[in-house]
C-alpha atoms as a PDB file:
ATOM      1  CA  MET A   1       8.765 -33.635 -29.256  1.00  0.00           C
ATOM      2  CA  LYS A   2       8.971 -30.122 -27.921  1.00  0.00           C
ATOM      3  CA  THR A   3      12.020 -28.041 -28.899  1.00  0.00           C
ATOM      4  CA  THR A   4      13.117 -25.136 -26.864  1.00  0.00           C
ATOM      5  CA  THR A   5      15.379 -22.351 -27.863  1.00  0.00           C
ATOM      6  CA  GLY A   6      17.232 -20.067 -25.647  1.00  0.00           C
ATOM      7  CA  PRO A   7      18.511 -20.546 -22.104  1.00  0.00           C
ATOM      8  CA  THR A   8      16.796 -22.770 -19.566  1.00  0.00           C
ATOM      9  CA  LEU A   9      15.443 -21.353 -16.311  1.00  0.00           C
ATOM     10  CA  THR A  10      18.462 -22.620 -14.516  1.00  0.00           C
ATOM     11  CA  GLU A  11      20.721 -20.960 -16.977  1.00  0.00           C
ATOM     12  CA  GLU A  12      18.756 -17.704 -16.614  1.00  0.00           C
ATOM     13  CA  MET A  13      19.075 -17.819 -12.866  1.00  0.00           C
ATOM     14  CA  ARG A  14      22.795 -18.541 -13.077  1.00  0.00           C
ATOM     15  CA  ALA A  15      23.178 -15.493 -15.367  1.00  0.00           C
ATOM     16  CA  VAL A  16      21.376 -13.192 -12.870  1.00  0.00           C
ATOM     17  CA  GLN A  17      23.635 -14.572 -10.093  1.00  0.00           C
ATOM     18  CA  LYS A  18      26.674 -14.019 -12.191  1.00  0.00           C
ATOM     19  CA  GLN A  19      25.668 -10.415 -12.997  1.00  0.00           C
ATOM     20  CA  HIS A  20      25.161  -9.719  -9.335  1.00  0.00           C
ATOM     21  CA  PRO A  21      28.061 -11.027  -7.305  1.00  0.00           C
ATOM     22  CA  GLY A  22      27.173 -11.587  -3.671  1.00  0.00           C
ATOM     23  CA  TRP A  23      23.559 -12.674  -4.505  1.00  0.00           C
ATOM     24  CA  HIS A  24      22.346 -16.204  -4.361  1.00  0.00           C
ATOM     25  CA  VAL A  25      19.466 -17.024  -6.760  1.00  0.00           C
ATOM     26  CA  TRP A  26      17.036 -19.994  -6.573  1.00  0.00           C
ATOM     27  CA  LYS A  27      13.603 -21.059  -7.489  1.00  0.00           C
ATOM     28  CA  SER A  28      11.094 -22.001  -4.798  1.00  0.00           C
ATOM     29  CA  SER A  29       8.784 -25.001  -4.888  1.00  0.00           C
ATOM     30  CA  ALA A  30       5.951 -22.586  -5.609  1.00  0.00           C
ATOM     31  CA  GLY A  31       7.781 -21.399  -8.766  1.00  0.00           C
ATOM     32  CA  ARG A  32       8.926 -17.996  -7.551  1.00  0.00           C
ATOM     33  CA  ILE A  33      12.512 -16.737  -8.116  1.00  0.00           C
ATOM     34  CA  TRP A  34      14.263 -15.742  -4.923  1.00  0.00           C
ATOM     35  CA  ALA A  35      17.561 -13.995  -4.276  1.00  0.00           C
ATOM     36  CA  ALA A  36      19.387 -13.293  -1.054  1.00  0.00           C
ATOM     37  CA  THR A  37      22.514 -11.498  -0.039  1.00  0.00           C
ATOM     38  CA  ALA A  38      24.142 -11.088   3.353  1.00  0.00           C
ATOM     39  CA  GLU A  39      25.100  -7.540   2.311  1.00  0.00           C
ATOM     40  CA  ASN A  40      23.061  -4.622   3.494  1.00  0.00           C
ATOM     41  CA  HIS A  41      24.250  -1.099   3.116  1.00  0.00           C
ATOM     42  CA  THR A  42      21.683   0.487   5.416  1.00  0.00           C
ATOM     43  CA  GLY A  43      22.978  -1.020   8.709  1.00  0.00           C
ATOM     44  CA  GLY A  44      20.441  -3.822   8.892  1.00  0.00           C
ATOM     45  CA  SER A  45      20.644  -7.580   8.252  1.00  0.00           C
ATOM     46  CA  GLY A  46      20.821  -9.261   4.814  1.00  0.00           C
ATOM     47  CA  THR A  47      18.238  -8.801   2.120  1.00  0.00           C
ATOM     48  CA  THR A  48      15.939 -11.312   0.426  1.00  0.00           C
ATOM     49  CA  LEU A  49      13.845 -10.498  -2.736  1.00  0.00           C
ATOM     50  CA  ASP A  50      11.388 -12.498  -4.794  1.00  0.00           C
ATOM     51  CA  ALA A  51      10.112 -12.055  -8.409  1.00  0.00           C
ATOM     52  CA  PRO A  52       8.065 -14.089 -10.908  1.00  0.00           C
ATOM     53  CA  THR A  53      10.920 -14.458 -13.432  1.00  0.00           C
ATOM     54  CA  PRO A  54      14.711 -14.340 -13.686  1.00  0.00           C
ATOM     55  CA  GLU A  55      14.447 -11.141 -15.773  1.00  0.00           C
ATOM     56  CA  ALA A  56      12.233  -9.554 -13.115  1.00  0.00           C
ATOM     57  CA  MET A  57      14.723 -10.637 -10.422  1.00  0.00           C
ATOM     58  CA  HIS A  58      17.552  -8.950 -12.292  1.00  0.00           C
ATOM     59  CA  ARG A  59      15.508  -5.716 -12.202  1.00  0.00           C
ATOM     60  CA  GLU A  60      14.657  -6.138  -8.432  1.00  0.00           C
ATOM     61  CA  ILE A  61      18.355  -6.683  -7.565  1.00  0.00           C
ATOM     62  CA  ALA A  62      19.305  -3.619  -9.673  1.00  0.00           C
ATOM     63  CA  VAL A  63      16.662  -1.464  -7.896  1.00  0.00           C
ATOM     64  CA  GLN A  64      17.886  -2.642  -4.478  1.00  0.00           C
ATOM     65  CA  VAL A  65      21.555  -1.880  -5.294  1.00  0.00           C
ATOM     66  CA  HIS A  66      20.595   1.451  -6.690  1.00  0.00           C
ATOM     67  CA  GLU A  67      18.676   2.336  -3.446  1.00  0.00           C
ATOM     68  CA  TRP A  68      21.715   1.263  -1.346  1.00  0.00           C
ATOM     69  CA  GLU A  69      23.905   3.516  -3.473  1.00  0.00           C
ATOM     70  CA  ALA A  70      21.486   6.474  -3.113  1.00  0.00           C
ATOM     71  CA  CYS A  71      21.475   6.010   0.617  1.00  0.00           C
ATOM     72  CA  ALA A  72      25.298   6.025   0.767  1.00  0.00           C
ATOM     73  CA  ALA A  73      25.551   9.285  -1.292  1.00  0.00           C
END
């Protein structure tokens, strides 16, 4: 029997989504983590990002939000 400790992938994805309101996070059938938001602060349409892990997705979203904030300044 395999014992796992720590959060499951689903729990990690939910945590990313909770940390970034307005973003929807899911796992594709290919195993990549995706996130999308209808918000776009540069005048375009919504934004979709992908990353290999929930941790990497957290960073990708943070970078995107930082770029939006920099454009608005």
